[in-house]
């Protein structure tokens, strides 16, 4: 059981890292408008914070600390989705934006499910 649980943690760490990298690549390719620069800055922060807080949750000091870090990961996933929807990509980036919106939604749901089992 521990091996399966650890594997799931590792997979989610990998998945959130991949999400962060995809977000950074997406932001780097956005047209350089004033709005996109501001949105991109916020998106880069929230997209990277999803996984960073999940890693912190796995190193938590207890159940309450774990739950708080998972809540933050869920919140950052939701915030990433918001900034993605506000961004104005080039035509060839629209599909990637929709894919990232979908991934952020899935991550939100995963963290929500973890919270339900934890609390």
C-alpha atoms as a PDB file:
ATOM      1  CA  UNK A   1       0.000   0.000   0.000  1.00  0.00           C
ATOM      2  CA  UNK A   2       2.803   2.440   0.882  1.00  0.00           C
ATOM      3  CA  UNK A   3       4.485   1.760  -2.446  1.00  0.00           C
ATOM      4  CA  UNK A   4       1.270   2.572  -4.342  1.00  0.00           C
ATOM      5  CA  UNK A   5       0.696   5.716  -2.264  1.00  0.00           C
ATOM      6  CA  UNK A   6       4.269   6.917  -2.820  1.00  0.00           C
ATOM      7  CA  UNK A   7       3.943   6.242  -6.544  1.00  0.00           C
ATOM      8  CA  UNK A   8       0.786   8.395  -6.679  1.00  0.00           C
ATOM      9  CA  UNK A   9       2.584  11.232  -4.852  1.00  0.00           C
ATOM     10  CA  UNK A  10       5.481  10.985  -7.288  1.00  0.00           C
ATOM     11  CA  UNK A  11       3.156  10.974 -10.302  1.00  0.00           C
ATOM     12  CA  UNK A  12       1.373  14.098  -9.071  1.00  0.00           C
ATOM     13  CA  UNK A  13       4.685  15.826  -8.369  1.00  0.00           C
ATOM     14  CA  UNK A  14       5.749  15.019 -11.917  1.00  0.00           C
ATOM     15  CA  UNK A  15       2.399  16.123 -13.319  1.00  0.00           C
ATOM     16  CA  UNK A  16       2.468  19.474 -11.507  1.00  0.00           C
ATOM     17  CA  UNK A  17       6.061  20.058 -12.634  1.00  0.00           C
ATOM     18  CA  UNK A  18       5.062  19.352 -16.226  1.00  0.00           C
ATOM     19  CA  UNK A  19       2.116  21.744 -15.834  1.00  0.00           C
ATOM     20  CA  UNK A  20       4.443  24.494 -14.549  1.00  0.00           C
ATOM     21  CA  UNK A  21       6.848  24.001 -17.458  1.00  0.00           C
ATOM     22  CA  UNK A  22       4.003  24.115 -19.987  1.00  0.00           C
ATOM     23  CA  UNK A  23       2.670  27.285 -18.377  1.00  0.00           C
ATOM     24  CA  UNK A  24       6.114  28.927 -18.582  1.00  0.00           C
ATOM     25  CA  UNK A  25       6.448  27.993 -22.262  1.00  0.00           C
ATOM     26  CA  UNK A  26       2.955  29.329 -22.942  1.00  0.00           C
ATOM     27  CA  UNK A  27       3.734  32.629 -21.170  1.00  0.00           C
ATOM     28  CA  UNK A  28       7.030  32.993 -23.061  1.00  0.00           C
ATOM     29  CA  UNK A  29       5.169  32.772 -26.390  1.00  0.00           C
ATOM     30  CA  UNK A  30       2.334  35.191 -25.545  1.00  0.00           C
ATOM     31  CA  UNK A  31       2.219  38.392 -27.607  1.00  0.00           C
ATOM     32  CA  UNK A  32       3.969  41.176 -25.667  1.00  0.00           C
ATOM     33  CA  UNK A  33       1.040  43.433 -24.883  1.00  0.00           C
ATOM     34  CA  UNK A  34       0.785  45.312 -21.594  1.00  0.00           C
ATOM     35  CA  UNK A  35      -2.130  43.113 -20.518  1.00  0.00           C
ATOM     36  CA  UNK A  36      -0.397  39.847 -21.453  1.00  0.00           C
ATOM     37  CA  UNK A  37       2.761  40.880 -19.635  1.00  0.00           C
ATOM     38  CA  UNK A  38       0.792  41.508 -16.422  1.00  0.00           C
ATOM     39  CA  UNK A  39      -1.329  38.372 -16.864  1.00  0.00           C
ATOM     40  CA  UNK A  40       1.711  36.290 -17.800  1.00  0.00           C
ATOM     41  CA  UNK A  41       3.516  37.341 -14.631  1.00  0.00           C
ATOM     42  CA  UNK A  42       0.574  36.243 -12.475  1.00  0.00           C
ATOM     43  CA  UNK A  43       0.116  33.036 -14.476  1.00  0.00           C
ATOM     44  CA  UNK A  44       3.783  32.088 -14.170  1.00  0.00           C
ATOM     45  CA  UNK A  45       3.609  32.569 -10.388  1.00  0.00           C
ATOM     46  CA  UNK A  46       0.410  30.591  -9.845  1.00  0.00           C
ATOM     47  CA  UNK A  47       1.355  27.849 -12.336  1.00  0.00           C
ATOM     48  CA  UNK A  48       4.633  27.196 -10.545  1.00  0.00           C
ATOM     49  CA  UNK A  49       3.084  27.453  -7.109  1.00  0.00           C
ATOM     50  CA  UNK A  50       0.740  24.497  -7.704  1.00  0.00           C
ATOM     51  CA  UNK A  51       3.539  21.948  -7.607  1.00  0.00           C
ATOM     52  CA  UNK A  52       5.707  23.799  -5.111  1.00  0.00           C
ATOM     53  CA  UNK A  53       2.926  23.680  -2.526  1.00  0.00           C
ATOM     54  CA  UNK A  54       2.180  20.049  -3.321  1.00  0.00           C
ATOM     55  CA  UNK A  55       5.820  19.166  -2.658  1.00  0.00           C
ATOM     56  CA  UNK A  56       5.616  21.091   0.621  1.00  0.00           C
ATOM     57  CA  UNK A  57       2.446  19.154   1.498  1.00  0.00           C
ATOM     58  CA  UNK A  58       4.348  15.893   1.080  1.00  0.00           C
ATOM     59  CA  UNK A  59       6.928  17.163   3.555  1.00  0.00           C
ATOM     60  CA  UNK A  60       4.288  18.514   5.945  1.00  0.00           C
ATOM     61  CA  UNK A  61       4.583  18.577   9.717  1.00  0.00           C
ATOM     62  CA  UNK A  62       1.190  16.996  10.280  1.00  0.00           C
ATOM     63  CA  UNK A  63      -2.324  16.521   8.986  1.00  0.00           C
ATOM     64  CA  UNK A  64      -3.344  20.187   9.356  1.00  0.00           C
ATOM     65  CA  UNK A  65      -0.203  21.412   7.605  1.00  0.00           C
ATOM     66  CA  UNK A  66      -0.756  18.863   4.816  1.00  0.00           C
ATOM     67  CA  UNK A  67      -4.363  19.965   4.339  1.00  0.00           C
ATOM     68  CA  UNK A  68      -3.380  23.649   4.227  1.00  0.00           C
ATOM     69  CA  UNK A  69      -0.737  23.069   1.543  1.00  0.00           C
ATOM     70  CA  UNK A  70      -3.202  20.997  -0.505  1.00  0.00           C
ATOM     71  CA  UNK A  71      -5.747  23.840  -0.195  1.00  0.00           C
ATOM     72  CA  UNK A  72      -3.112  26.254  -1.485  1.00  0.00           C
ATOM     73  CA  UNK A  73      -2.317  23.941  -4.420  1.00  0.00           C
ATOM     74  CA  UNK A  74      -6.021  23.800  -5.260  1.00  0.00           C
ATOM     75  CA  UNK A  75      -6.303  27.588  -4.974  1.00  0.00           C
ATOM     76  CA  UNK A  76      -3.264  28.115  -7.216  1.00  0.00           C
ATOM     77  CA  UNK A  77      -4.702  25.688  -9.795  1.00  0.00           C
ATOM     78  CA  UNK A  78      -7.921  27.701  -9.809  1.00  0.00           C
ATOM     79  CA  UNK A  79      -6.004  30.968 -10.092  1.00  0.00           C
ATOM     80  CA  UNK A  80      -3.953  29.579 -12.988  1.00  0.00           C
ATOM     81  CA  UNK A  81      -7.162  28.700 -14.799  1.00  0.00           C
ATOM     82  CA  UNK A  82      -8.413  32.252 -14.282  1.00  0.00           C
ATOM     83  CA  UNK A  83      -5.258  33.854 -15.701  1.00  0.00           C
ATOM     84  CA  UNK A  84      -5.209  31.425 -18.620  1.00  0.00           C
ATOM     85  CA  UNK A  85      -8.749  32.429 -19.541  1.00  0.00           C
ATOM     86  CA  UNK A  86      -7.811  36.123 -19.386  1.00  0.00           C
ATOM     87  CA  UNK A  87      -4.711  35.752 -21.563  1.00  0.00           C
ATOM     88  CA  UNK A  88      -4.776  36.707 -25.238  1.00  0.00           C
ATOM     89  CA  UNK A  89      -2.723  34.095 -27.088  1.00  0.00           C
ATOM     90  CA  UNK A  90      -1.707  33.959 -30.719  1.00  0.00           C
ATOM     91  CA  UNK A  91      -3.976  31.845 -32.900  1.00  0.00           C
ATOM     92  CA  UNK A  92      -1.538  28.913 -32.807  1.00  0.00           C
ATOM     93  CA  UNK A  93      -1.578  28.992 -28.978  1.00  0.00           C
ATOM     94  CA  UNK A  94      -5.324  28.719 -28.470  1.00  0.00           C
ATOM     95  CA  UNK A  95      -5.331  24.929 -28.358  1.00  0.00           C
ATOM     96  CA  UNK A  96      -2.514  24.897 -25.785  1.00  0.00           C
ATOM     97  CA  UNK A  97      -4.430  27.411 -23.680  1.00  0.00           C
ATOM     98  CA  UNK A  98      -7.511  25.182 -23.689  1.00  0.00           C
ATOM     99  CA  UNK A  99      -5.373  22.168 -22.815  1.00  0.00           C
ATOM    100  CA  UNK A 100      -3.811  24.078 -19.903  1.00  0.00           C
ATOM    101  CA  UNK A 101      -7.254  25.230 -18.718  1.00  0.00           C
ATOM    102  CA  UNK A 102      -8.340  21.575 -18.756  1.00  0.00           C
ATOM    103  CA  UNK A 103      -5.232  20.479 -16.852  1.00  0.00           C
ATOM    104  CA  UNK A 104      -5.670  23.193 -14.226  1.00  0.00           C
ATOM    105  CA  UNK A 105      -9.286  22.080 -13.767  1.00  0.00           C
ATOM    106  CA  UNK A 106      -8.219  18.452 -13.378  1.00  0.00           C
ATOM    107  CA  UNK A 107      -5.553  19.431 -10.841  1.00  0.00           C
ATOM    108  CA  UNK A 108      -8.162  21.441  -8.912  1.00  0.00           C
ATOM    109  CA  UNK A 109     -10.389  18.377  -8.807  1.00  0.00           C
ATOM    110  CA  UNK A 110      -7.554  16.089  -7.731  1.00  0.00           C
ATOM    111  CA  UNK A 111      -6.554  18.397  -4.880  1.00  0.00           C
ATOM    112  CA  UNK A 112     -10.208  18.713  -3.897  1.00  0.00           C
ATOM    113  CA  UNK A 113     -10.525  14.923  -3.726  1.00  0.00           C
ATOM    114  CA  UNK A 114      -7.347  14.704  -1.623  1.00  0.00           C
ATOM    115  CA  UNK A 115      -8.808  17.284   0.755  1.00  0.00           C
ATOM    116  CA  UNK A 116     -12.051  15.331   1.139  1.00  0.00           C
ATOM    117  CA  UNK A 117     -10.112  12.198   2.081  1.00  0.00           C
ATOM    118  CA  UNK A 118      -7.859  14.138   4.456  1.00  0.00           C
ATOM    119  CA  UNK A 119     -10.401  16.194   6.376  1.00  0.00           C
END
